Amino acid sequence: MVTPPPVPLHAATDWSIVAIFATVYVGMFLGGLPTLRLDRSGVALLGAIAVIGVGAMSTEQAAQAVDLPTILLLFSFMVVSAQMRLGGFYTAVTRQVGALPLSRNGLLGTLIAVAAALSAVFSNDIVCLAVTPVVARICLKREFNPLPFLVGLACAANIGSAATLIGNPQNMLIGSLMKLSFADYARLALPPVILSLFVLWAWLAFTGRQTAQVAGTTAPPDGQLTDADPPFDRWQSAKGLAVATVLMLIFLFTDWPREVAALVAAGVLLLSRRFHSSHVMGFVDWELLVLFIGLFVVNHAFQNTGLSAQGVAWLGAQGVRLAEAGPLFAASLVLSNLVSNVPAVMLLIPQLSGHEAGTALALVSTFAGNLLLVGSIANLIVVDLAGRSGIAIDWRDHVRIGVPVTLMTLAIVWFWLRWMT
């Protein structure tokens, strides 16, 4: 990324930027702004508009503040994930797992492994969106307590997505801005991810048997498709899998820029006789892209005031150095659950450098999403879709699983990274 030149600012403009920055991150914390019909993406967009409006940055400087490779990588993998969802791949795989003659714990472990593996390649949010209704129907049909399965699905998707630099938006951001090697990151991240998935399964297997009251469900039997379930298309799914496999090989064994390779792959998938491009584009999360763009502009304007550098210097003088493991873990955990992991990562990246710090930030910010219900979009997707199937999951249900799992998995990451370094 080419860093735009600092913009000379006057004191009044500095204070305006501080006010805009503070307002935007209050919006990140609250999920919007009081009395206004704005979500996080709307707040970030208006923040960027305000930065330009007060004269802190020109439109050209604002455009230069946006890391285009990150945006292209995000967009491209949204297209790849859309191909897999439209081809019915996620639903078909989950239904096949549900049809296996497995015990409760066997089914739980298999679903955790499948959700994690899919999330490492196709993004945790998309996987949860496609798989949650099917898992809910499987649990209702087999009369299993659905809470451990559904909360476990969200936790597994979050943990599994940390295995690669394409598994979730914050990892894409970290990999792009910190120039991390895809293969080196995967080698370092896979062991704690695999061990954390086992810990998740063990916790759910032996503590998640409590009886759940599931009333008023209108979920169809598992053998039926709903309007939201696309039929399985073998050719389109194979096409998407082939493209994803080629991309993984390119990322692992070549130096071809990831965003360029992914963009070419998205273009190949858009050349289709089966799926109209407008239909595929409908599955692109444009709001997430707007969130990234807005935060890039707002954060860069704030950095230009010099206040963030002064704050980091002051913390360093007090013995709190963000580049060190302890403060980095604490800051990532707290910020990820206050303002969400993507804004948290954007705040922390300018203060870090090196592969070890980048790997720690990616793992901790992703695992931290399991702590609270609001810590990850994947959690909220699962809860919303479960509710549509008559299965109520509130923050207390999530805390009973999310807090111990997060603390245990972060301990695994801590000891693994300490041992490796």
Protein backbone atom coordinates (compact mmCIF):
# COMPACT_ATOMS: atom_id res chain seq x y z
CA MET A 1 0.00 0.00 0.00
CA VAL A 2 1.32 3.44 -0.93
CA THR A 3 0.87 5.67 2.11
CA PRO A 4 -0.60 9.05 1.14
CA PRO A 5 1.48 12.06 2.20
CA PRO A 6 0.47 13.65 5.52
CA VAL A 7 -2.03 16.44 5.19
CA PRO A 8 -1.03 19.68 6.98
CA LEU A 9 -3.78 20.54 9.42
CA HIS A 10 -4.73 23.50 11.55
CA ALA A 11 -5.77 23.13 15.19
CA ALA A 12 -9.47 23.62 14.43
CA THR A 13 -9.36 20.95 11.77
CA ASP A 14 -7.51 18.63 14.16
CA TRP A 15 -10.29 18.92 16.71
CA SER A 16 -12.89 18.36 14.00
CA ILE A 17 -11.14 15.13 13.00
CA VAL A 18 -10.92 14.00 16.62
CA ALA A 19 -14.67 14.61 16.99
CA ILE A 20 -15.42 12.70 13.77
CA PHE A 21 -13.13 9.84 14.79
CA ALA A 22 -14.70 9.60 18.25
CA THR A 23 -18.22 9.68 16.83
CA VAL A 24 -17.44 6.96 14.30
CA TYR A 25 -16.01 4.63 16.94
CA VAL A 26 -18.91 5.29 19.29
CA GLY A 27 -21.03 4.14 16.36
CA MET A 28 -18.85 1.04 16.00
CA PHE A 29 -19.42 0.27 19.69
CA LEU A 30 -23.17 0.87 19.64
CA GLY A 31 -23.75 -0.65 16.19
CA GLY A 32 -25.12 2.70 15.01
CA LEU A 33 -25.90 6.15 16.37
CA PRO A 34 -28.80 6.92 18.74
CA THR A 35 -32.02 8.20 17.11
CA LEU A 36 -30.53 7.75 13.62
CA ARG A 37 -31.24 4.82 11.33
CA LEU A 38 -27.57 4.06 10.73
CA ASP A 39 -25.63 0.84 11.06
CA ARG A 40 -21.84 0.57 11.35
CA SER A 41 -21.36 0.89 7.59
CA GLY A 42 -23.50 4.03 7.46
CA VAL A 43 -21.57 5.57 10.35
CA ALA A 44 -18.21 4.83 8.69
CA LEU A 45 -19.40 6.27 5.36
CA LEU A 46 -20.69 9.46 6.96
CA GLY A 47 -17.44 9.75 8.90
CA ALA A 48 -15.45 9.63 5.65
CA ILE A 49 -17.78 12.21 4.09
CA ALA A 50 -17.32 14.47 7.12
CA VAL A 51 -13.51 14.19 6.90
CA ILE A 52 -13.65 15.36 3.30
CA GLY A 53 -16.32 17.97 4.08
CA VAL A 54 -14.26 19.73 6.78
CA GLY A 55 -11.32 19.94 4.40
CA ALA A 56 -9.07 17.51 6.25
CA MET A 57 -8.54 15.50 3.07
CA SER A 58 -9.26 16.05 -0.58
CA THR A 59 -11.18 13.42 -2.51
CA GLU A 60 -7.92 12.32 -4.16
CA GLN A 61 -6.20 11.93 -0.78
CA ALA A 62 -9.20 10.04 0.58
CA ALA A 63 -9.04 7.64 -2.37
CA GLN A 64 -5.33 7.10 -1.75
CA ALA A 65 -6.05 6.29 1.91
CA VAL A 66 -8.11 3.27 0.87
CA ASP A 67 -6.07 0.08 0.54
CA LEU A 68 -7.37 -1.10 -2.85
CA PRO A 69 -5.77 -4.59 -2.69
CA THR A 70 -7.75 -5.35 0.49
CA ILE A 71 -11.02 -4.18 -1.09
CA LEU A 72 -10.38 -6.22 -4.25
CA LEU A 73 -9.53 -9.34 -2.25
CA LEU A 74 -12.69 -9.00 -0.17
CA PHE A 75 -14.87 -8.45 -3.22
CA SER A 76 -13.34 -11.35 -5.12
CA PHE A 77 -13.89 -13.86 -2.34
CA MET A 78 -17.45 -12.67 -1.90
CA VAL A 79 -17.98 -13.65 -5.54
CA VAL A 80 -16.33 -17.05 -4.98
CA SER A 81 -18.51 -17.67 -1.91
CA ALA A 82 -21.60 -16.58 -3.85
CA GLN A 83 -20.80 -19.20 -6.49
CA MET A 84 -20.63 -21.93 -3.84
CA ARG A 85 -23.85 -20.83 -2.19
CA LEU A 86 -25.79 -20.52 -5.43
CA GLY A 87 -24.54 -23.97 -6.41
CA GLY A 88 -26.09 -25.37 -3.23
CA PHE A 89 -22.72 -26.69 -2.04
CA TYR A 90 -22.91 -25.60 1.59
CA THR A 91 -26.43 -26.95 2.05
CA ALA A 92 -25.62 -30.25 0.33
CA VAL A 93 -22.52 -30.87 2.44
CA THR A 94 -24.34 -30.11 5.70
CA ARG A 95 -27.29 -32.33 4.76
CA GLN A 96 -24.95 -35.20 3.95
CA VAL A 97 -23.24 -34.82 7.33
CA GLY A 98 -26.64 -34.79 9.04
CA ALA A 99 -27.60 -38.02 7.28
CA LEU A 100 -24.56 -39.91 8.62
CA PRO A 101 -25.32 -42.56 11.31
CA LEU A 102 -23.42 -40.67 14.02
CA SER A 103 -23.93 -40.26 17.73
CA ARG A 104 -24.63 -36.82 19.16
CA ASN A 105 -20.98 -36.17 19.90
CA GLY A 106 -19.88 -37.65 16.59
CA LEU A 107 -22.27 -35.41 14.68
CA LEU A 108 -21.19 -32.41 16.74
CA GLY A 109 -17.52 -33.06 16.02
CA THR A 110 -18.12 -33.60 12.31
CA LEU A 111 -20.15 -30.39 11.95
CA ILE A 112 -17.46 -28.43 13.82
CA ALA A 113 -14.75 -29.80 11.52
CA VAL A 114 -16.76 -29.15 8.35
CA ALA A 115 -17.75 -25.59 9.38
CA ALA A 116 -14.15 -24.77 10.27
CA ALA A 117 -12.72 -26.18 7.03
CA LEU A 118 -15.26 -24.33 4.88
CA SER A 119 -14.71 -21.08 6.79
CA ALA A 120 -10.95 -21.23 6.25
CA VAL A 121 -11.52 -20.91 2.50
CA PHE A 122 -14.96 -19.40 1.90
CA SER A 123 -15.41 -16.94 4.82
CA ASN A 124 -17.05 -17.63 8.16
CA ASP A 125 -20.04 -15.30 7.70
CA ILE A 126 -21.09 -16.89 4.41
CA VAL A 127 -20.75 -20.40 5.83
CA CYS A 128 -22.90 -19.55 8.85
CA LEU A 129 -25.50 -17.91 6.62
CA ALA A 130 -25.86 -21.03 4.47
CA VAL A 131 -25.37 -23.78 7.06
CA THR A 132 -27.33 -22.55 10.12
CA PRO A 133 -30.87 -23.36 8.88
CA VAL A 134 -29.81 -26.89 7.89
CA VAL A 135 -28.14 -27.55 11.25
CA ALA A 136 -31.26 -26.28 13.03
CA ARG A 137 -33.45 -28.71 11.06
CA ILE A 138 -31.07 -31.61 11.73
CA CYS A 139 -31.20 -30.95 15.48
CA LEU A 140 -34.99 -30.65 15.52
CA LYS A 141 -35.42 -33.83 13.51
CA ARG A 142 -33.02 -35.86 15.69
CA GLU A 143 -34.31 -34.26 18.92
CA PHE A 144 -30.89 -32.96 19.95
CA ASN A 145 -30.50 -29.86 22.08
CA PRO A 146 -29.82 -27.32 19.29
CA LEU A 147 -27.99 -24.72 21.40
CA PRO A 148 -24.58 -26.45 21.57
CA PHE A 149 -24.76 -27.25 17.85
CA LEU A 150 -25.66 -23.72 16.76
CA VAL A 151 -23.38 -21.79 19.11
CA GLY A 152 -20.70 -24.37 18.33
CA LEU A 153 -21.23 -23.70 14.62
CA ALA A 154 -20.54 -19.99 15.10
CA CYS A 155 -17.51 -20.64 17.31
CA ALA A 156 -16.12 -23.25 14.88
CA ALA A 157 -16.59 -20.91 11.92
CA ASN A 158 -14.72 -18.15 13.75
CA ILE A 159 -11.90 -20.43 14.87
CA GLY A 160 -11.58 -22.14 11.48
CA SER A 161 -11.49 -18.83 9.63
CA ALA A 162 -8.32 -17.94 11.54
CA ALA A 163 -6.44 -20.76 9.80
CA THR A 164 -5.79 -18.72 6.64
CA LEU A 165 -5.39 -15.13 5.53
CA ILE A 166 -8.61 -15.37 3.49
CA GLY A 167 -10.92 -16.89 6.12
CA ASN A 168 -12.39 -13.60 7.34
CA PRO A 169 -12.25 -9.88 6.53
CA GLN A 170 -9.83 -8.91 9.31
CA ASN A 171 -7.33 -11.58 8.25
CA MET A 172 -7.50 -10.34 4.65
CA LEU A 173 -6.81 -6.83 5.96
CA ILE A 174 -3.89 -7.95 8.14
CA GLY A 175 -2.36 -10.06 5.37
CA SER A 176 -2.63 -7.25 2.84
CA LEU A 177 -1.40 -4.34 4.97
CA MET A 178 1.32 -6.24 6.85
CA LYS A 179 2.50 -8.18 3.77
CA LEU A 180 2.28 -11.57 5.49
CA SER A 181 3.24 -14.76 3.68
CA PHE A 182 0.18 -16.93 3.11
CA ALA A 183 2.08 -20.21 3.57
CA ASP A 184 4.08 -19.05 6.61
CA TYR A 185 0.94 -17.78 8.31
CA ALA A 186 -0.94 -21.03 7.67
CA ARG A 187 1.91 -23.13 9.07
CA LEU A 188 1.94 -21.08 12.26
CA ALA A 189 -1.84 -20.75 12.63
CA LEU A 190 -3.01 -24.31 11.85
CA PRO A 191 -1.79 -26.04 15.04
CA PRO A 192 -3.54 -23.70 17.51
CA VAL A 193 -6.64 -23.66 15.29
CA ILE A 194 -6.87 -27.46 15.21
CA LEU A 195 -6.26 -27.77 18.96
CA SER A 196 -8.82 -25.03 19.65
CA LEU A 197 -11.44 -26.86 17.58
CA PHE A 198 -10.84 -29.98 19.66
CA VAL A 199 -11.24 -27.93 22.86
CA LEU A 200 -14.49 -26.47 21.50
CA TRP A 201 -15.81 -29.96 20.73
CA ALA A 202 -14.79 -31.33 24.14
CA TRP A 203 -16.45 -28.44 25.98
CA LEU A 204 -19.69 -28.81 24.02
CA ALA A 205 -19.67 -32.61 24.17
CA PHE A 206 -19.48 -32.77 27.93
CA THR A 207 -21.30 -29.61 29.04
CA GLY A 208 -23.98 -29.10 26.37
CA ARG A 209 -26.51 -31.81 27.15
CA GLN A 210 -28.93 -29.63 29.10
CA THR A 211 -32.52 -29.79 27.97
CA ALA A 212 -33.62 -26.96 25.72
CA GLN A 213 -37.17 -25.77 25.22
CA VAL A 214 -37.79 -25.28 21.50
CA ALA A 215 -41.32 -24.11 20.98
CA GLY A 216 -43.30 -22.85 18.07
CA THR A 217 -40.90 -24.02 15.40
CA THR A 218 -42.06 -24.07 11.83
CA ALA A 219 -38.86 -25.52 10.42
CA PRO A 220 -39.45 -28.05 7.64
CA PRO A 221 -38.18 -31.61 7.94
CA ASP A 222 -34.54 -32.02 6.99
CA GLY A 223 -35.46 -33.80 3.81
CA GLN A 224 -37.14 -30.71 2.38
CA LEU A 225 -35.64 -27.55 0.95
CA THR A 226 -36.87 -24.09 1.86
CA ASP A 227 -37.04 -21.15 -0.52
CA ALA A 228 -33.66 -20.00 0.83
CA ASP A 229 -31.99 -23.34 0.04
CA PRO A 230 -30.74 -23.45 -3.58
CA PRO A 231 -30.80 -26.94 -5.13
CA PHE A 232 -27.46 -28.67 -5.43
CA ASP A 233 -25.83 -28.03 -8.80
CA ARG A 234 -22.94 -30.46 -9.25
CA TRP A 235 -21.32 -28.58 -12.15
CA GLN A 236 -21.49 -25.11 -10.59
CA SER A 237 -20.22 -26.41 -7.24
CA ALA A 238 -17.36 -28.24 -8.96
CA LYS A 239 -16.53 -25.07 -10.88
CA GLY A 240 -16.36 -23.05 -7.67
CA LEU A 241 -14.29 -25.70 -5.90
CA ALA A 242 -11.85 -25.90 -8.80
CA VAL A 243 -11.35 -22.12 -8.79
CA ALA A 244 -10.91 -22.06 -5.00
CA THR A 245 -8.39 -24.91 -5.16
CA VAL A 246 -6.36 -23.16 -7.84
CA LEU A 247 -6.38 -19.97 -5.76
CA MET A 248 -5.12 -21.80 -2.68
CA LEU A 249 -2.27 -23.32 -4.70
CA ILE A 250 -1.38 -19.90 -6.12
CA PHE A 251 -1.37 -18.36 -2.65
CA LEU A 252 0.75 -21.17 -1.19
CA PHE A 253 3.33 -21.65 -3.92
CA THR A 254 3.63 -18.45 -5.96
CA ASP A 255 4.31 -14.75 -5.41
CA TRP A 256 1.42 -13.64 -7.62
CA PRO A 257 -0.37 -10.81 -5.75
CA ARG A 258 -3.33 -12.35 -3.93
CA GLU A 259 -5.77 -9.62 -4.88
CA VAL A 260 -4.92 -9.98 -8.59
CA ALA A 261 -5.26 -13.76 -8.56
CA ALA A 262 -8.56 -13.54 -6.66
CA LEU A 263 -9.91 -10.87 -9.01
CA VAL A 264 -9.11 -13.03 -12.05
CA ALA A 265 -10.83 -15.97 -10.33
CA ALA A 266 -13.93 -13.86 -9.68
CA GLY A 267 -13.96 -12.85 -13.34
CA VAL A 268 -13.83 -16.50 -14.39
CA LEU A 269 -16.82 -17.33 -12.18
CA LEU A 270 -18.82 -14.39 -13.49
CA LEU A 271 -18.50 -15.89 -17.01
CA SER A 272 -21.50 -18.15 -16.55
CA ARG A 273 -24.47 -19.32 -18.60
CA ARG A 274 -26.26 -20.48 -15.44
CA PHE A 275 -26.01 -17.58 -12.98
CA HIS A 276 -26.77 -14.03 -14.04
CA SER A 277 -24.09 -11.59 -12.90
CA SER A 278 -26.68 -9.43 -11.13
CA HIS A 279 -27.76 -12.47 -9.12
CA VAL A 280 -24.18 -13.20 -8.07
CA MET A 281 -23.57 -9.54 -7.25
CA GLY A 282 -26.61 -9.68 -4.97
CA PHE A 283 -24.59 -11.89 -2.63
CA VAL A 284 -21.71 -9.42 -2.40
CA ASP A 285 -21.67 -7.72 1.00
CA TRP A 286 -21.46 -4.16 -0.29
CA GLU A 287 -22.06 -2.77 3.21
CA LEU A 288 -18.90 -4.46 4.48
CA LEU A 289 -16.91 -2.97 1.61
CA VAL A 290 -18.32 0.49 2.46
CA LEU A 291 -17.37 -0.07 6.11
CA PHE A 292 -13.77 -0.79 5.11
CA ILE A 293 -13.57 2.23 2.79
CA GLY A 294 -15.03 4.60 5.37
CA LEU A 295 -12.74 3.40 8.15
CA PHE A 296 -9.66 3.64 5.94
CA VAL A 297 -10.40 7.33 5.35
CA VAL A 298 -11.35 8.19 8.95
CA ASN A 299 -8.39 6.33 10.47
CA HIS A 300 -5.90 7.89 8.08
CA ALA A 301 -7.19 11.37 8.86
CA PHE A 302 -6.83 10.69 12.58
CA GLN A 303 -3.30 9.35 12.14
CA ASN A 304 -2.37 12.56 10.32
CA THR A 305 -3.16 14.56 13.45
CA GLY A 306 -0.27 12.79 15.21
CA LEU A 307 -2.45 12.05 18.25
CA SER A 308 -2.39 8.28 17.78
CA ALA A 309 1.42 8.27 17.63
CA GLN A 310 1.56 10.44 20.77
CA GLY A 311 -0.82 8.08 22.55
CA VAL A 312 1.27 5.03 21.65
CA ALA A 313 4.43 6.83 22.76
CA TRP A 314 2.81 7.71 26.10
CA LEU A 315 1.76 4.09 26.65
CA GLY A 316 5.30 2.98 25.81
CA ALA A 317 6.66 5.37 28.44
CA GLN A 318 4.35 3.70 30.96
CA GLY A 319 5.74 0.30 30.01
CA VAL A 320 2.77 -0.73 27.83
CA ARG A 321 4.12 -1.59 24.39
CA LEU A 322 1.49 -2.80 21.94
CA ALA A 323 4.06 -4.77 19.95
CA GLU A 324 4.63 -7.04 22.96
CA ALA A 325 2.51 -10.17 23.38
CA GLY A 326 0.67 -9.28 26.59
CA PRO A 327 -0.55 -5.78 25.65
CA LEU A 328 -1.34 -6.93 22.10
CA PHE A 329 -3.49 -9.82 23.38
CA ALA A 330 -5.30 -7.56 25.83
CA ALA A 331 -5.87 -4.75 23.33
CA SER A 332 -7.09 -7.15 20.62
CA LEU A 333 -9.48 -8.94 22.98
CA VAL A 334 -10.98 -5.77 24.45
CA LEU A 335 -11.22 -3.73 21.26
CA SER A 336 -12.62 -6.63 19.21
CA ASN A 337 -15.53 -6.94 21.63
CA LEU A 338 -16.04 -3.19 22.01
CA VAL A 339 -16.02 -2.01 18.40
CA SER A 340 -15.92 -5.33 16.44
CA ASN A 341 -12.81 -7.02 15.09
CA VAL A 342 -12.43 -5.17 11.78
CA PRO A 343 -12.36 -1.66 13.33
CA ALA A 344 -10.16 -3.01 16.13
CA VAL A 345 -7.65 -4.40 13.65
CA MET A 346 -7.61 -1.12 11.73
CA LEU A 347 -6.73 0.72 14.93
CA LEU A 348 -3.93 -1.66 15.90
CA ILE A 349 -2.20 -2.37 12.58
CA PRO A 350 -0.36 1.00 12.31
CA GLN A 351 1.32 0.27 15.64
CA LEU A 352 2.63 -3.18 14.65
CA SER A 353 5.17 -4.69 12.30
CA GLY A 354 6.56 -8.13 11.58
CA HIS A 355 5.14 -11.56 10.86
CA GLU A 356 4.85 -12.59 14.51
CA ALA A 357 2.81 -9.53 15.49
CA GLY A 358 0.60 -9.91 12.42
CA THR A 359 -0.05 -13.59 13.16
CA ALA A 360 -0.88 -12.85 16.80
CA LEU A 361 -3.26 -10.05 15.81
CA ALA A 362 -5.05 -12.26 13.27
CA LEU A 363 -5.50 -15.16 15.69
CA VAL A 364 -6.46 -13.13 18.75
CA SER A 365 -8.87 -10.73 17.01
CA THR A 366 -10.63 -13.69 15.38
CA PHE A 367 -10.79 -15.94 18.46
CA ALA A 368 -11.96 -12.95 20.53
CA GLY A 369 -15.10 -12.86 18.41
CA ASN A 370 -16.37 -15.90 20.33
CA LEU A 371 -16.34 -14.13 23.70
CA LEU A 372 -19.64 -12.24 23.42
CA LEU A 373 -22.63 -12.51 21.14
CA VAL A 374 -21.86 -9.11 19.58
CA GLY A 375 -18.18 -9.96 19.10
CA SER A 376 -18.67 -11.47 15.64
CA ILE A 377 -21.10 -11.05 12.76
CA ALA A 378 -21.10 -14.85 12.44
CA ASN A 379 -22.60 -15.09 15.95
CA LEU A 380 -25.38 -12.67 15.08
CA ILE A 381 -26.14 -14.49 11.81
CA VAL A 382 -26.53 -17.81 13.63
CA VAL A 383 -28.77 -16.32 16.32
CA ASP A 384 -30.99 -14.56 13.77
CA LEU A 385 -31.43 -17.63 11.56
CA ALA A 386 -31.96 -19.92 14.57
CA GLY A 387 -34.74 -17.61 15.73
CA ARG A 388 -36.49 -18.03 12.40
CA SER A 389 -36.53 -21.78 13.09
CA GLY A 390 -38.07 -21.24 16.52
CA ILE A 391 -34.82 -21.66 18.46
CA ALA A 392 -34.14 -18.75 20.81
CA ILE A 393 -30.50 -18.05 21.68
CA ASP A 394 -29.84 -15.07 23.93
CA TRP A 395 -26.61 -13.54 25.19
CA ARG A 396 -26.66 -15.69 28.34
CA ASP A 397 -26.80 -18.88 26.28
CA HIS A 398 -23.84 -17.67 24.25
CA VAL A 399 -21.82 -16.53 27.29
CA ARG A 400 -22.02 -19.99 28.89
CA ILE A 401 -20.21 -21.39 25.86
CA GLY A 402 -18.39 -18.41 24.38
CA VAL A 403 -16.52 -17.15 27.45
CA PRO A 404 -14.88 -20.44 28.52
CA VAL A 405 -14.14 -21.43 24.93
CA THR A 406 -12.57 -18.04 24.18
CA LEU A 407 -10.40 -18.08 27.30
CA MET A 408 -9.20 -21.64 26.65
CA THR A 409 -8.47 -21.05 22.97
CA LEU A 410 -6.67 -17.77 23.62
CA ALA A 411 -4.54 -19.61 26.21
CA ILE A 412 -3.65 -22.11 23.49
CA VAL A 413 -2.64 -19.29 21.13
CA TRP A 414 -0.61 -17.61 23.87
CA PHE A 415 1.42 -20.71 24.74
CA TRP A 416 1.82 -21.74 21.10
CA LEU A 417 3.19 -18.38 19.99
CA ARG A 418 5.42 -18.13 23.06
CA TRP A 419 6.80 -21.61 22.34
CA MET A 420 7.32 -20.90 18.64
CA THR A 421 9.16 -17.65 19.33
